[in-house]
């Protein structure tokens, strides 16, 4: 059955892959971006200008789609920003910026579509989280915290909106080949601080793992399956064997043992 789908961050990476797959399958797809012009086309789907950091930008974009289609069946919250740096070196302004995009941006779009979904007693919201939302990763603590917030908020949201026939779903990607390496905010302060040697090595590992990651089309195919389900699961973890193994290990071994496992993976120094 054809769906009206709105994908935030739909011009590159995972968002673009989702838009491409759903367009191929004849859904009506709208992909948002901060710097594009509303109404332009990309790979067969329609672009909508939206900055998830701005209340009016979100409202105007959602209202435009409603005016065109009369409804939005599926909202996919994919827009997000990466951050790499030591927690000690992260300024409050930097932290607020990440949470404004990754957390408040998601909430803004949910709030914009929910009144119409409630009135129709149907709809689905898919929030793109991360494996990092399920564990703390070195030098990605702020990013992980923002995705952990996405996890908790989606759980709460699901319980609140179920009474209106609306479903909330989480997708937790591992490493995928996207342009996140180029777009990730990297702390210059950390590059000059006592953490710099450790950080630069681990940042190279992070970049290499993304470059060697899976094709984001896999997430597009997963989204296609989810939106066809009458009773989708709450969580879908998707990624390579390494990330799935880490999640499994975290569930069954002691916290300090898991911490040691992660530090060994990243070759981090420990005080004797």
Protein backbone atom coordinates (compact mmCIF):
# COMPACT_ATOMS: atom_id res chain seq x y z
CA UNK A 1 0.00 0.00 0.00
CA UNK A 2 1.40 3.39 -1.03
CA UNK A 3 2.45 5.63 1.88
CA UNK A 4 3.11 9.36 2.22
CA UNK A 5 6.55 9.48 3.84
CA UNK A 6 8.55 12.42 5.24
CA UNK A 7 12.27 11.79 5.82
CA UNK A 8 14.36 14.39 7.64
CA UNK A 9 17.95 14.67 6.48
CA UNK A 10 16.86 13.14 3.19
CA UNK A 11 19.53 14.53 0.87
CA UNK A 12 22.53 12.39 1.83
CA UNK A 13 23.70 9.27 3.62
CA UNK A 14 21.15 7.08 5.34
CA UNK A 15 18.31 9.52 4.69
CA UNK A 16 18.92 9.59 0.97
CA UNK A 17 19.18 5.80 0.87
CA UNK A 18 15.82 5.53 2.63
CA UNK A 19 14.25 8.01 0.20
CA UNK A 20 15.66 6.14 -2.81
CA UNK A 21 14.40 2.72 -1.69
CA UNK A 22 10.92 3.97 -0.80
CA UNK A 23 10.67 5.93 -4.06
CA UNK A 24 11.61 2.80 -6.03
CA UNK A 25 8.76 1.03 -4.26
CA UNK A 26 6.28 3.72 -5.40
CA UNK A 27 5.72 5.43 -2.08
CA UNK A 28 5.28 9.23 -2.16
CA UNK A 29 8.47 10.49 -0.54
CA UNK A 30 9.50 13.91 0.75
CA UNK A 31 13.09 14.40 1.88
CA UNK A 32 14.16 17.42 3.90
CA UNK A 33 17.39 19.41 3.93
CA UNK A 34 18.52 22.70 5.41
CA UNK A 35 19.86 24.33 2.25
CA UNK A 36 17.68 22.97 -0.54
CA UNK A 37 14.69 24.61 -2.24
CA UNK A 38 11.24 23.24 -1.52
CA UNK A 39 9.64 21.51 -4.49
CA UNK A 40 12.84 20.48 -6.26
CA UNK A 41 13.24 16.81 -7.16
CA UNK A 42 16.07 14.41 -6.37
CA UNK A 43 16.17 10.84 -7.67
CA UNK A 44 12.39 10.86 -8.12
CA UNK A 45 11.36 12.22 -4.71
CA UNK A 46 10.45 15.76 -3.64
CA UNK A 47 12.70 17.98 -1.53
CA UNK A 48 11.44 20.18 1.29
CA UNK A 49 13.50 22.86 2.98
CA UNK A 50 13.62 22.22 6.73
CA UNK A 51 16.03 23.10 9.52
CA UNK A 52 15.12 20.84 12.43
CA UNK A 53 16.76 23.37 14.78
CA UNK A 54 14.08 25.98 14.00
CA UNK A 55 10.46 25.69 15.14
CA UNK A 56 8.97 27.67 12.24
CA UNK A 57 11.08 25.89 9.64
CA UNK A 58 9.75 22.53 10.83
CA UNK A 59 6.16 23.78 10.97
CA UNK A 60 6.33 25.36 7.50
CA UNK A 61 7.80 22.21 5.95
CA UNK A 62 5.24 19.88 7.54
CA UNK A 63 2.37 22.22 6.65
CA UNK A 64 3.58 22.29 3.03
CA UNK A 65 3.48 18.49 2.81
CA UNK A 66 0.05 18.40 4.48
CA UNK A 67 -1.22 20.95 1.94
CA UNK A 68 0.06 18.78 -0.92
CA UNK A 69 -1.01 15.36 0.37
CA UNK A 70 -3.55 15.90 3.14
CA UNK A 71 -1.61 13.57 5.47
CA UNK A 72 1.74 12.09 6.43
CA UNK A 73 1.60 8.34 7.00
CA UNK A 74 5.21 7.87 8.10
CA UNK A 75 7.70 10.30 9.66
CA UNK A 76 11.32 9.16 9.63
CA UNK A 77 13.55 11.24 11.91
CA UNK A 78 16.98 10.81 10.39
CA UNK A 79 18.51 14.32 10.56
CA UNK A 80 21.39 14.40 13.00
CA UNK A 81 24.89 15.66 13.72
CA UNK A 82 27.95 13.71 14.85
CA UNK A 83 30.47 14.96 17.39
CA UNK A 84 33.92 13.74 18.37
CA UNK A 85 35.91 15.09 21.26
CA UNK A 86 36.73 14.59 24.93
CA UNK A 87 33.89 15.32 27.33
CA UNK A 88 36.18 17.53 29.41
CA UNK A 89 36.88 19.67 26.33
CA UNK A 90 33.25 19.97 25.19
CA UNK A 91 31.72 23.39 25.78
CA UNK A 92 28.13 23.76 26.93
CA UNK A 93 27.33 25.57 23.66
CA UNK A 94 28.64 22.62 21.62
CA UNK A 95 26.64 20.18 23.71
CA UNK A 96 23.48 22.26 23.35
CA UNK A 97 23.97 22.40 19.56
CA UNK A 98 24.20 18.60 19.31
CA UNK A 99 21.15 18.06 21.51
CA UNK A 100 19.21 20.74 19.65
CA UNK A 101 19.64 18.84 16.39
CA UNK A 102 19.62 15.21 17.51
CA UNK A 103 17.02 15.41 20.28
CA UNK A 104 14.99 18.63 20.11
CA UNK A 105 14.94 18.40 16.30
CA UNK A 106 13.33 14.98 16.53
CA UNK A 107 10.80 16.25 19.06
CA UNK A 108 9.92 19.26 16.87
CA UNK A 109 9.04 17.09 13.89
CA UNK A 110 7.05 14.64 16.04
CA UNK A 111 5.06 17.50 17.53
CA UNK A 112 4.39 18.88 14.05
CA UNK A 113 2.95 15.65 12.59
CA UNK A 114 1.21 14.15 15.62
CA UNK A 115 -1.98 16.29 15.65
CA UNK A 116 -2.86 15.16 12.12
CA UNK A 117 -1.91 11.54 12.84
CA UNK A 118 -4.07 11.62 15.97
CA UNK A 119 -7.02 12.99 14.05
CA UNK A 120 -6.74 10.10 11.59
CA UNK A 121 -6.00 7.55 14.34
CA UNK A 122 -3.09 6.11 12.38
CA UNK A 123 0.54 6.76 11.56
CA UNK A 124 4.12 5.66 12.23
CA UNK A 125 7.19 7.49 13.51
CA UNK A 126 10.60 5.89 12.93
CA UNK A 127 13.49 7.46 14.82
CA UNK A 128 17.02 6.73 13.62
CA UNK A 129 19.14 6.22 16.72
CA UNK A 130 22.55 4.52 16.84
CA UNK A 131 24.44 1.68 18.46
CA UNK A 132 26.08 4.57 20.30
CA UNK A 133 22.75 5.22 21.98
CA UNK A 134 23.10 1.87 23.74
CA UNK A 135 26.68 2.27 25.02
CA UNK A 136 29.17 4.99 25.82
CA UNK A 137 31.96 5.22 23.24
CA UNK A 138 35.24 7.05 23.94
CA UNK A 139 35.42 10.57 22.51
CA UNK A 140 31.81 10.30 21.34
CA UNK A 141 30.19 10.73 24.73
CA UNK A 142 28.04 13.73 23.81
CA UNK A 143 26.83 12.11 20.59
CA UNK A 144 26.10 8.85 22.45
CA UNK A 145 24.19 10.76 25.12
CA UNK A 146 22.03 12.46 22.47
CA UNK A 147 21.19 9.12 20.87
CA UNK A 148 20.51 7.59 24.29
CA UNK A 149 17.98 10.39 24.76
CA UNK A 150 16.41 9.45 21.42
CA UNK A 151 16.06 5.89 22.74
CA UNK A 152 14.32 6.87 25.98
CA UNK A 153 12.09 9.50 24.40
CA UNK A 154 10.94 7.06 21.72
CA UNK A 155 10.08 4.46 24.35
CA UNK A 156 7.98 7.01 26.23
CA UNK A 157 6.42 8.36 23.06
CA UNK A 158 5.38 4.90 21.95
CA UNK A 159 3.42 4.34 25.16
CA UNK A 160 1.72 7.73 24.89
CA UNK A 161 0.61 7.57 21.25
CA UNK A 162 -0.37 3.90 21.05
CA UNK A 163 -3.92 4.78 22.16
CA UNK A 164 -4.31 6.80 18.94
CA UNK A 165 -3.23 3.98 16.65
CA UNK A 166 0.22 5.53 16.07
CA UNK A 167 3.37 3.41 16.26
CA UNK A 168 6.88 4.51 17.27
CA UNK A 169 9.95 2.52 16.18
CA UNK A 170 13.71 2.79 16.73
CA UNK A 171 16.39 1.84 14.22
CA UNK A 172 19.88 1.50 15.70
CA UNK A 173 22.53 1.50 12.95
CA UNK A 174 26.11 0.45 13.48
CA UNK A 175 28.79 1.66 11.04
CA UNK A 176 27.52 2.56 7.58
CA UNK A 177 29.29 4.16 4.62
CA UNK A 178 27.96 7.72 4.74
CA UNK A 179 29.38 11.23 4.68
CA UNK A 180 29.29 11.49 8.49
CA UNK A 181 33.12 11.58 8.61
CA UNK A 182 33.11 14.81 6.59
CA UNK A 183 30.17 16.33 8.49
CA UNK A 184 31.05 15.27 12.04
CA UNK A 185 31.94 18.11 14.39
CA UNK A 186 35.47 17.51 15.71
CA UNK A 187 36.68 19.32 18.81
CA UNK A 188 39.72 21.46 18.04
CA UNK A 189 40.24 21.89 21.77
CA UNK A 190 40.72 18.13 22.16
CA UNK A 191 43.26 18.18 19.34
CA UNK A 192 45.36 20.55 21.46
CA UNK A 193 44.72 19.05 24.90
CA UNK A 194 46.26 16.24 26.96
CA UNK A 195 43.85 13.86 25.20
CA UNK A 196 45.19 14.65 21.73
CA UNK A 197 47.38 11.56 21.15
CA UNK A 198 44.71 9.15 22.28
CA UNK A 199 41.99 11.08 20.47
CA UNK A 200 43.73 11.36 17.09
CA UNK A 201 44.39 7.62 16.99
CA UNK A 202 40.83 6.72 17.98
CA UNK A 203 39.37 9.29 15.59
CA UNK A 204 41.23 7.54 12.75
CA UNK A 205 39.73 4.22 13.88
CA UNK A 206 36.25 5.78 13.95
CA UNK A 207 36.69 7.13 10.41
CA UNK A 208 38.05 3.80 9.14
CA UNK A 209 35.13 1.88 10.64
CA UNK A 210 32.66 4.18 8.89
CA UNK A 211 34.56 3.94 5.58
CA UNK A 212 34.44 0.13 5.84
CA UNK A 213 30.82 0.07 6.97
CA UNK A 214 27.75 -1.41 5.32
CA UNK A 215 25.77 0.06 2.44
CA UNK A 216 23.05 2.40 3.81
CA UNK A 217 20.64 0.85 1.31
CA UNK A 218 20.28 -1.92 3.91
CA UNK A 219 18.56 0.57 6.21
CA UNK A 220 16.32 1.68 3.37
CA UNK A 221 15.26 -1.93 2.82
CA UNK A 222 14.65 -2.36 6.54
CA UNK A 223 12.48 0.75 6.67
CA UNK A 224 10.47 -0.59 3.73
CA UNK A 225 9.77 -3.79 5.68
CA UNK A 226 8.90 -1.94 8.89
CA UNK A 227 6.31 0.37 7.34
CA UNK A 228 4.50 -2.65 5.90
CA UNK A 229 4.20 -4.36 9.29
CA UNK A 230 1.00 -4.14 11.28
CA UNK A 231 2.87 -4.77 14.53
CA UNK A 232 6.51 -3.69 14.17
CA UNK A 233 9.01 -4.26 16.94
CA UNK A 234 10.15 -1.37 19.11
CA UNK A 235 13.84 -1.76 18.13
CA UNK A 236 15.72 -2.89 15.05
CA UNK A 237 19.49 -3.13 15.41
CA UNK A 238 21.20 -3.12 12.04
CA UNK A 239 24.91 -3.25 11.43
CA UNK A 240 27.93 -5.46 11.03
CA UNK A 241 28.93 -8.40 13.19
CA UNK A 242 31.33 -6.27 15.25
CA UNK A 243 28.67 -3.88 16.54
CA UNK A 244 26.20 -6.69 17.18
CA UNK A 245 28.85 -8.63 19.10
CA UNK A 246 29.58 -5.57 21.23
CA UNK A 247 25.91 -5.16 22.10
CA UNK A 248 25.61 -8.83 23.00
CA UNK A 249 28.72 -8.64 25.17
CA UNK A 250 27.40 -5.57 26.99
CA UNK A 251 24.28 -7.48 27.99
CA UNK A 252 26.08 -10.47 29.51
CA UNK A 253 29.39 -9.36 31.01
CA UNK A 254 30.18 -7.08 33.94
CA UNK A 255 30.43 -3.34 33.30
CA UNK A 256 34.16 -3.07 34.04
CA UNK A 257 34.91 -6.10 31.89
CA UNK A 258 33.00 -4.55 29.02
CA UNK A 259 34.81 -1.27 29.59
CA UNK A 260 38.15 -3.10 29.38
CA UNK A 261 36.98 -4.84 26.19
CA UNK A 262 36.14 -1.50 24.56
CA UNK A 263 39.38 0.12 25.67
CA UNK A 264 41.36 -2.80 24.26
CA UNK A 265 39.51 -2.44 20.95
CA UNK A 266 40.52 1.22 20.74
CA UNK A 267 44.00 0.53 22.21
CA UNK A 268 43.44 3.08 24.96
CA UNK A 269 46.01 3.68 27.68
CA UNK A 270 45.29 2.84 31.30
CA UNK A 271 47.23 4.02 34.30
CA UNK A 272 49.24 1.12 35.77
